Amino acid sequence: MPSRIIHIVAFGPVRDIVGISDIALELEEPCTGAVAFEALAARYPDLEPWRESVRLAVNRAYAPFDQTLNAGDEVSFLPPVSGG
């Protein structure tokens, strides 16, 4: 089955869990944001509790988790942000 390389940029607690800010994932086609998160969580199991609270961004724009990802896309899983 064909595959594609997706570039993951990690921020905040997601970065803390994976230990680096840039990750390349090779995923089988078809690939969605949900599939990319599952693959990343399989590699870094401590991400699993974040599944329901992170937002997906593709090429610096918010996207639904069912969005198809293309080779070379920049994907981020953004944790919730609070401030004051």
PDB file of N, CA and C in Angstrom:
ATOM      1  N   MET A   1       0.843  -1.172   0.000  1.00  0.00           N
ATOM      2  CA  MET A   1       0.000   0.000   0.000  1.00  0.00           C
ATOM      3  C   MET A   1       0.892   1.239   0.000  1.00  0.00           C
ATOM      4  N   PRO A   2       0.558   2.273  -0.810  1.00  0.00           N
ATOM      5  CA  PRO A   2       1.383   3.485  -0.857  1.00  0.00           C
ATOM      6  C   PRO A   2       1.394   4.198   0.487  1.00  0.00           C
ATOM      7  N   SER A   3       2.445   4.975   0.706  1.00  0.00           N
ATOM      8  CA  SER A   3       2.549   5.717   1.959  1.00  0.00           C
ATOM      9  C   SER A   3       2.957   7.150   1.665  1.00  0.00           C
ATOM     10  N   ARG A   4       2.853   7.973   2.684  1.00  0.00           N
ATOM     11  CA  ARG A   4       3.264   9.365   2.559  1.00  0.00           C
ATOM     12  C   ARG A   4       3.914   9.810   3.868  1.00  0.00           C
ATOM     13  N   ILE A   5       4.799  10.786   3.764  1.00  0.00           N
ATOM     14  CA  ILE A   5       5.471  11.345   4.930  1.00  0.00           C
ATOM     15  C   ILE A   5       4.707  12.597   5.362  1.00  0.00           C
ATOM     16  N   ILE A   6       4.326  12.626   6.628  1.00  0.00           N
ATOM     17  CA  ILE A   6       3.639  13.760   7.227  1.00  0.00           C
ATOM     18  C   ILE A   6       4.581  14.383   8.242  1.00  0.00           C
ATOM     19  N   HIS A   7       4.686  15.696   8.224  1.00  0.00           N
ATOM     20  CA  HIS A   7       5.557  16.433   9.139  1.00  0.00           C
ATOM     21  C   HIS A   7       4.721  16.921  10.320  1.00  0.00           C
ATOM     22  N   ILE A   8       5.048  16.435  11.534  1.00  0.00           N
ATOM     23  CA  ILE A   8       4.339  16.820  12.750  1.00  0.00           C
ATOM     24  C   ILE A   8       5.157  17.879  13.486  1.00  0.00           C
ATOM     25  N   VAL A   9       4.499  18.970  13.857  1.00  0.00           N
ATOM     26  CA  VAL A   9       5.115  19.997  14.694  1.00  0.00           C
ATOM     27  C   VAL A   9       4.412  19.937  16.044  1.00  0.00           C
ATOM     28  N   ALA A  10       5.170  19.707  17.110  1.00  0.00           N
ATOM     29  CA  ALA A  10       4.594  19.518  18.445  1.00  0.00           C
ATOM     30  C   ALA A  10       4.791  20.766  19.300  1.00  0.00           C
ATOM     31  N   PHE A  11       3.728  21.115  20.054  1.00  0.00           N
ATOM     32  CA  PHE A  11       3.740  22.278  20.939  1.00  0.00           C
ATOM     33  C   PHE A  11       3.320  21.871  22.346  1.00  0.00           C
ATOM     34  N   GLY A  12       3.735  22.650  23.336  1.00  0.00           N
ATOM     35  CA  GLY A  12       3.279  22.504  24.719  1.00  0.00           C
ATOM     36  C   GLY A  12       3.433  21.098  25.264  1.00  0.00           C
ATOM     37  N   PRO A  13       2.371  20.590  25.912  1.00  0.00           N
ATOM     38  CA  PRO A  13       2.448  19.268  26.520  1.00  0.00           C
ATOM     39  C   PRO A  13       2.692  18.156  25.505  1.00  0.00           C
ATOM     40  N   VAL A  14       2.221  18.345  24.282  1.00  0.00           N
ATOM     41  CA  VAL A  14       2.479  17.334  23.248  1.00  0.00           C
ATOM     42  C   VAL A  14       3.985  17.242  23.010  1.00  0.00           C
ATOM     43  N   ARG A  15       4.648  18.381  22.910  1.00  0.00           N
ATOM     44  CA  ARG A  15       6.103  18.398  22.733  1.00  0.00           C
ATOM     45  C   ARG A  15       6.798  17.779  23.944  1.00  0.00           C
ATOM     46  N   ASP A  16       6.300  18.087  25.137  1.00  0.00           N
ATOM     47  CA  ASP A  16       6.895  17.512  26.341  1.00  0.00           C
ATOM     48  C   ASP A  16       6.825  15.988  26.317  1.00  0.00           C
ATOM     49  N   ILE A  17       5.730  15.441  25.844  1.00  0.00           N
ATOM     50  CA  ILE A  17       5.552  13.986  25.811  1.00  0.00           C
ATOM     51  C   ILE A  17       6.463  13.343  24.777  1.00  0.00           C
ATOM     52  N   VAL A  18       6.535  13.922  23.575  1.00  0.00           N
ATOM     53  CA  VAL A  18       7.337  13.290  22.515  1.00  0.00           C
ATOM     54  C   VAL A  18       8.816  13.637  22.627  1.00  0.00           C
ATOM     55  N   GLY A  19       9.129  14.737  23.337  1.00  0.00           N
ATOM     56  CA  GLY A  19      10.524  15.074  23.594  1.00  0.00           C
ATOM     57  C   GLY A  19      11.205  15.871  22.493  1.00  0.00           C
ATOM     58  N   ILE A  20      10.525  16.105  21.373  1.00  0.00           N
ATOM     59  CA  ILE A  20      11.080  16.901  20.276  1.00  0.00           C
ATOM     60  C   ILE A  20       9.936  17.699  19.642  1.00  0.00           C
ATOM     61  N   SER A  21      10.297  18.716  18.867  1.00  0.00           N
ATOM     62  CA  SER A  21       9.241  19.536  18.278  1.00  0.00           C
ATOM     63  C   SER A  21       8.913  19.167  16.837  1.00  0.00           C
ATOM     64  N   ASP A  22       9.799  18.449  16.163  1.00  0.00           N
ATOM     65  CA  ASP A  22       9.566  18.068  14.769  1.00  0.00           C
ATOM     66  C   ASP A  22       9.678  16.558  14.607  1.00  0.00           C
ATOM     67  N   ILE A  23       8.635  15.972  14.025  1.00  0.00           N
ATOM     68  CA  ILE A  23       8.581  14.516  13.859  1.00  0.00           C
ATOM     69  C   ILE A  23       8.120  14.216  12.443  1.00  0.00           C
ATOM     70  N   ALA A  24       8.762  13.277  11.790  1.00  0.00           N
ATOM     71  CA  ALA A  24       8.304  12.808  10.479  1.00  0.00           C
ATOM     72  C   ALA A  24       7.639  11.449  10.680  1.00  0.00           C
ATOM     73  N   LEU A  25       6.399  11.328  10.210  1.00  0.00           N
ATOM     74  CA  LEU A  25       5.664  10.061  10.290  1.00  0.00           C
ATOM     75  C   LEU A  25       5.390   9.556   8.892  1.00  0.00           C
ATOM     76  N   GLU A  26       5.692   8.297   8.648  1.00  0.00           N
ATOM     77  CA  GLU A  26       5.325   7.674   7.386  1.00  0.00           C
ATOM     78  C   GLU A  26       4.033   6.908   7.616  1.00  0.00           C
ATOM     79  N   LEU A  27       2.992   7.284   6.892  1.00  0.00           N
ATOM     80  CA  LEU A  27       1.667   6.702   7.086  1.00  0.00           C
ATOM     81  C   LEU A  27       1.140   6.149   5.775  1.00  0.00           C
ATOM     82  N   GLU A  28       0.397   5.050   5.869  1.00  0.00           N
ATOM     83  CA  GLU A  28      -0.216   4.472   4.686  1.00  0.00           C
ATOM     84  C   GLU A  28      -1.371   5.344   4.219  1.00  0.00           C
ATOM     85  N   GLU A  29      -1.618   5.342   2.926  1.00  0.00           N
ATOM     86  CA  GLU A  29      -2.742   6.078   2.357  1.00  0.00           C
ATOM     87  C   GLU A  29      -3.997   5.236   2.459  1.00  0.00           C
ATOM     88  N   PRO A  30      -5.181   5.789   2.562  1.00  0.00           N
ATOM     89  CA  PRO A  30      -5.445   7.202   2.787  1.00  0.00           C
ATOM     90  C   PRO A  30      -5.139   7.571   4.233  1.00  0.00           C
ATOM     91  N   CYS A  31      -4.765   8.786   4.432  1.00  0.00           N
ATOM     92  CA  CYS A  31      -4.345   9.248   5.749  1.00  0.00           C
ATOM     93  C   CYS A  31      -5.167  10.464   6.151  1.00  0.00           C
ATOM     94  N   THR A  32      -5.642  10.470   7.388  1.00  0.00           N
ATOM     95  CA  THR A  32      -6.386  11.613   7.936  1.00  0.00           C
ATOM     96  C   THR A  32      -5.686  12.106   9.195  1.00  0.00           C
ATOM     97  N   GLY A  33      -6.161  13.210   9.723  1.00  0.00           N
ATOM     98  CA  GLY A  33      -5.629  13.716  10.982  1.00  0.00           C
ATOM     99  C   GLY A  33      -5.799  12.711  12.105  1.00  0.00           C
ATOM    100  N   ALA A  34      -6.937  12.002  12.117  1.00  0.00           N
ATOM    101  CA  ALA A  34      -7.176  10.984  13.154  1.00  0.00           C
ATOM    102  C   ALA A  34      -6.171   9.848  13.044  1.00  0.00           C
ATOM    103  N   VAL A  35      -5.884   9.419  11.828  1.00  0.00           N
ATOM    104  CA  VAL A  35      -4.902   8.343  11.615  1.00  0.00           C
ATOM    105  C   VAL A  35      -3.519   8.800  12.077  1.00  0.00           C
ATOM    106  N   ALA A  36      -3.176  10.050  11.782  1.00  0.00           N
ATOM    107  CA  ALA A  36      -1.871  10.573  12.204  1.00  0.00           C
ATOM    108  C   ALA A  36      -1.774  10.617  13.724  1.00  0.00           C
ATOM    109  N   PHE A  37      -2.849  11.051  14.403  1.00  0.00           N
ATOM    110  CA  PHE A  37      -2.817  11.074  15.868  1.00  0.00           C
ATOM    111  C   PHE A  37      -2.680   9.663  16.419  1.00  0.00           C
ATOM    112  N   GLU A  38      -3.407   8.711  15.860  1.00  0.00           N
ATOM    113  CA  GLU A  38      -3.317   7.318  16.320  1.00  0.00           C
ATOM    114  C   GLU A  38      -1.901   6.778  16.158  1.00  0.00           C
ATOM    115  N   ALA A  39      -1.269   7.091  15.039  1.00  0.00           N
ATOM    116  CA  ALA A  39       0.105   6.626  14.809  1.00  0.00           C
ATOM    117  C   ALA A  39       1.072   7.264  15.793  1.00  0.00           C
ATOM    118  N   LEU A  40       0.885   8.548  16.064  1.00  0.00           N
ATOM    119  CA  LEU A  40       1.759   9.230  17.015  1.00  0.00           C
ATOM    120  C   LEU A  40       1.534   8.697  18.427  1.00  0.00           C
ATOM    121  N   ALA A  41       0.270   8.466  18.801  1.00  0.00           N
ATOM    122  CA  ALA A  41      -0.041   7.924  20.128  1.00  0.00           C
ATOM    123  C   ALA A  41       0.460   6.485  20.271  1.00  0.00           C
ATOM    124  N   ALA A  42       0.513   5.742  19.186  1.00  0.00           N
ATOM    125  CA  ALA A  42       1.067   4.385  19.247  1.00  0.00           C
ATOM    126  C   ALA A  42       2.565   4.442  19.556  1.00  0.00           C
ATOM    127  N   ARG A  43       3.225   5.445  19.028  1.00  0.00           N
ATOM    128  CA  ARG A  43       4.661   5.626  19.266  1.00  0.00           C
ATOM    129  C   ARG A  43       4.918   6.236  20.648  1.00  0.00           C
ATOM    130  N   TYR A  44       4.004   7.105  21.088  1.00  0.00           N
ATOM    131  CA  TYR A  44       4.126   7.805  22.370  1.00  0.00           C
ATOM    132  C   TYR A  44       2.819   7.626  23.140  1.00  0.00           C
ATOM    133  N   PRO A  45       2.656   6.507  23.867  1.00  0.00           N
ATOM    134  CA  PRO A  45       1.383   6.179  24.521  1.00  0.00           C
ATOM    135  C   PRO A  45       0.877   7.231  25.509  1.00  0.00           C
ATOM    136  N   ASP A  46       1.750   8.060  26.057  1.00  0.00           N
ATOM    137  CA  ASP A  46       1.299   9.092  26.991  1.00  0.00           C
ATOM    138  C   ASP A  46       0.454  10.172  26.296  1.00  0.00           C
ATOM    139  N   LEU A  47       0.400  10.158  24.978  1.00  0.00           N
ATOM    140  CA  LEU A  47      -0.449  11.093  24.248  1.00  0.00           C
ATOM    141  C   LEU A  47      -1.923  10.705  24.282  1.00  0.00           C
ATOM    142  N   GLU A  48      -2.205   9.432  24.496  1.00  0.00           N
ATOM    143  CA  GLU A  48      -3.579   8.931  24.416  1.00  0.00           C
ATOM    144  C   GLU A  48      -4.579   9.757  25.235  1.00  0.00           C
ATOM    145  N   PRO A  49      -4.277  10.146  26.470  1.00  0.00           N
ATOM    146  CA  PRO A  49      -5.253  10.939  27.236  1.00  0.00           C
ATOM    147  C   PRO A  49      -5.565  12.306  26.606  1.00  0.00           C
ATOM    148  N   TRP A  50      -4.736  12.774  25.717  1.00  0.00           N
ATOM    149  CA  TRP A  50      -4.940  14.071  25.076  1.00  0.00           C
ATOM    150  C   TRP A  50      -5.859  13.992  23.860  1.00  0.00           C
ATOM    151  N   ARG A  51      -6.223  12.806  23.433  1.00  0.00           N
ATOM    152  CA  ARG A  51      -6.989  12.611  22.198  1.00  0.00           C
ATOM    153  C   ARG A  51      -8.220  13.515  22.117  1.00  0.00           C
ATOM    154  N   GLU A  52      -8.985  13.620  23.179  1.00  0.00           N
ATOM    155  CA  GLU A  52     -10.231  14.378  23.154  1.00  0.00           C
ATOM    156  C   GLU A  52     -10.044  15.880  23.314  1.00  0.00           C
ATOM    157  N   SER A  53      -8.860  16.324  23.730  1.00  0.00           N
ATOM    158  CA  SER A  53      -8.704  17.750  24.006  1.00  0.00           C
ATOM    159  C   SER A  53      -7.827  18.500  23.002  1.00  0.00           C
ATOM    160  N   VAL A  54      -7.065  17.801  22.168  1.00  0.00           N
ATOM    161  CA  VAL A  54      -6.232  18.509  21.198  1.00  0.00           C
ATOM    162  C   VAL A  54      -7.044  18.907  19.976  1.00  0.00           C
ATOM    163  N   ARG A  55      -6.611  19.957  19.320  1.00  0.00           N
ATOM    164  CA  ARG A  55      -7.180  20.394  18.044  1.00  0.00           C
ATOM    165  C   ARG A  55      -6.157  20.095  16.964  1.00  0.00           C
ATOM    166  N   LEU A  56      -6.637  19.825  15.783  1.00  0.00           N
ATOM    167  CA  LEU A  56      -5.773  19.545  14.640  1.00  0.00           C
ATOM    168  C   LEU A  56      -5.579  20.814  13.825  1.00  0.00           C
ATOM    169  N   ALA A  57      -4.347  21.065  13.424  1.00  0.00           N
ATOM    170  CA  ALA A  57      -4.054  22.123  12.461  1.00  0.00           C
ATOM    171  C   ALA A  57      -3.268  21.490  11.313  1.00  0.00           C
ATOM    172  N   VAL A  58      -3.652  21.826  10.100  1.00  0.00           N
ATOM    173  CA  VAL A  58      -2.958  21.347   8.900  1.00  0.00           C
ATOM    174  C   VAL A  58      -2.499  22.578   8.125  1.00  0.00           C
ATOM    175  N   ASN A  59      -1.202  22.643   7.919  1.00  0.00           N
ATOM    176  CA  ASN A  59      -0.613  23.792   7.226  1.00  0.00           C
ATOM    177  C   ASN A  59      -1.048  25.111   7.869  1.00  0.00           C
ATOM    178  N   ARG A  60      -0.999  25.119   9.207  1.00  0.00           N
ATOM    179  CA  ARG A  60      -1.249  26.297  10.048  1.00  0.00           C
ATOM    180  C   ARG A  60      -2.695  26.793  10.047  1.00  0.00           C
ATOM    181  N   ALA A  61      -3.632  25.907   9.698  1.00  0.00           N
ATOM    182  CA  ALA A  61      -5.054  26.258   9.762  1.00  0.00           C
ATOM    183  C   ALA A  61      -5.784  25.135  10.485  1.00  0.00           C
ATOM    184  N   TYR A  62      -6.732  25.487  11.359  1.00  0.00           N
ATOM    185  CA  TYR A  62      -7.506  24.459  12.042  1.00  0.00           C
ATOM    186  C   TYR A  62      -8.220  23.591  11.013  1.00  0.00           C
ATOM    187  N   ALA A  63      -8.323  22.299  11.329  1.00  0.00           N
ATOM    188  CA  ALA A  63      -8.945  21.353  10.407  1.00  0.00           C
ATOM    189  C   ALA A  63      -9.657  20.270  11.210  1.00  0.00           C
ATOM    190  N   PRO A  64     -10.665  19.630  10.602  1.00  0.00           N
ATOM    191  CA  PRO A  64     -11.323  18.508  11.277  1.00  0.00           C
ATOM    192  C   PRO A  64     -10.414  17.278  11.234  1.00  0.00           C
ATOM    193  N   PHE A  65     -10.586  16.393  12.192  1.00  0.00           N
ATOM    194  CA  PHE A  65      -9.743  15.207  12.263  1.00  0.00           C
ATOM    195  C   PHE A  65      -9.943  14.256  11.083  1.00  0.00           C
ATOM    196  N   ASP A  66     -11.042  14.415  10.343  1.00  0.00           N
ATOM    197  CA  ASP A  66     -11.250  13.537   9.187  1.00  0.00           C
ATOM    198  C   ASP A  66     -10.672  14.122   7.899  1.00  0.00           C
ATOM    199  N   GLN A  67      -9.945  15.251   8.005  1.00  0.00           N
ATOM    200  CA  GLN A  67      -9.327  15.838   6.812  1.00  0.00           C
ATOM    201  C   GLN A  67      -8.233  14.923   6.279  1.00  0.00           C
ATOM    202  N   THR A  68      -8.227  14.731   4.975  1.00  0.00           N
ATOM    203  CA  THR A  68      -7.178  13.950   4.329  1.00  0.00           C
ATOM    204  C   THR A  68      -5.881  14.734   4.357  1.00  0.00           C
ATOM    205  N   LEU A  69      -4.795  14.054   4.686  1.00  0.00           N
ATOM    206  CA  LEU A  69      -3.478  14.667   4.722  1.00  0.00           C
ATOM    207  C   LEU A  69      -2.705  14.285   3.469  1.00  0.00           C
ATOM    208  N   ASN A  70      -1.925  15.229   2.980  1.00  0.00           N
ATOM    209  CA  ASN A  70      -1.108  15.003   1.797  1.00  0.00           C
ATOM    210  C   ASN A  70       0.362  14.981   2.182  1.00  0.00           C
ATOM    211  N   ALA A  71       1.163  14.327   1.351  1.00  0.00           N
ATOM    212  CA  ALA A  71       2.607  14.290   1.593  1.00  0.00           C
ATOM    213  C   ALA A  71       3.121  15.714   1.732  1.00  0.00           C
ATOM    214  N   GLY A  72       3.945  15.933   2.731  1.00  0.00           N
ATOM    215  CA  GLY A  72       4.535  17.245   2.959  1.00  0.00           C
ATOM    216  C   GLY A  72       3.702  18.178   3.810  1.00  0.00           C
ATOM    217  N   ASP A  73       2.476  17.788   4.157  1.00  0.00           N
ATOM    218  CA  ASP A  73       1.659  18.636   5.015  1.00  0.00           C
ATOM    219  C   ASP A  73       2.334  18.830   6.369  1.00  0.00           C
ATOM    220  N   GLU A  74       2.162  20.036   6.933  1.00  0.00           N
ATOM    221  CA  GLU A  74       2.606  20.313   8.291  1.00  0.00           C
ATOM    222  C   GLU A  74       1.398  20.126   9.200  1.00  0.00           C
ATOM    223  N   VAL A  75       1.500  19.196  10.124  1.00  0.00           N
ATOM    224  CA  VAL A  75       0.391  18.833  11.007  1.00  0.00           C
ATOM    225  C   VAL A  75       0.781  19.145  12.442  1.00  0.00           C
ATOM    226  N   SER A  76      -0.149  19.764  13.170  1.00  0.00           N
ATOM    227  CA  SER A  76       0.057  20.038  14.596  1.00  0.00           C
ATOM    228  C   SER A  76      -1.146  19.552  15.372  1.00  0.00           C
ATOM    229  N   PHE A  77      -0.895  19.016  16.539  1.00  0.00           N
ATOM    230  CA  PHE A  77      -1.943  18.661  17.489  1.00  0.00           C
ATOM    231  C   PHE A  77      -1.817  19.658  18.630  1.00  0.00           C
ATOM    232  N   LEU A  78      -2.728  20.615  18.655  1.00  0.00           N
ATOM    233  CA  LEU A  78      -2.626  21.740  19.564  1.00  0.00           C
ATOM    234  C   LEU A  78      -3.385  21.470  20.855  1.00  0.00           C
ATOM    235  N   PRO A  79      -2.689  21.545  21.998  1.00  0.00           N
ATOM    236  CA  PRO A  79      -3.356  21.349  23.282  1.00  0.00           C
ATOM    237  C   PRO A  79      -4.205  22.564  23.614  1.00  0.00           C
ATOM    238  N   PRO A  80      -5.140  22.398  24.546  1.00  0.00           N
ATOM    239  CA  PRO A  80      -5.943  23.550  24.960  1.00  0.00           C
ATOM    240  C   PRO A  80      -5.044  24.634  25.554  1.00  0.00           C
ATOM    241  N   VAL A  81      -5.466  25.861  25.368  1.00  0.00           N
ATOM    242  CA  VAL A  81      -4.679  27.001  25.853  1.00  0.00           C
ATOM    243  C   VAL A  81      -5.541  27.770  26.844  1.00  0.00           C
ATOM    244  N   SER A  82      -4.911  28.154  27.937  1.00  0.00           N
ATOM    245  CA  SER A  82      -5.616  29.010  28.894  1.00  0.00           C
ATOM    246  C   SER A  82      -4.683  30.158  29.234  1.00  0.00           C
ATOM    247  N   GLY A  83      -5.237  31.184  29.707  1.00  0.00           N
ATOM    248  CA  GLY A  83      -4.410  32.349  30.049  1.00  0.00           C
ATOM    249  C   GLY A  83      -5.196  33.275  30.951  1.00  0.00           C
ATOM    250  N   GLY A  84      -4.568  34.314  31.273  1.00  0.00           N
ATOM    251  CA  GLY A  84      -5.258  35.254  32.131  1.00  0.00           C
ATOM    252  C   GLY A  84      -4.653  36.599  32.102  1.00  0.00           C
TER     253      GLY A  84
END
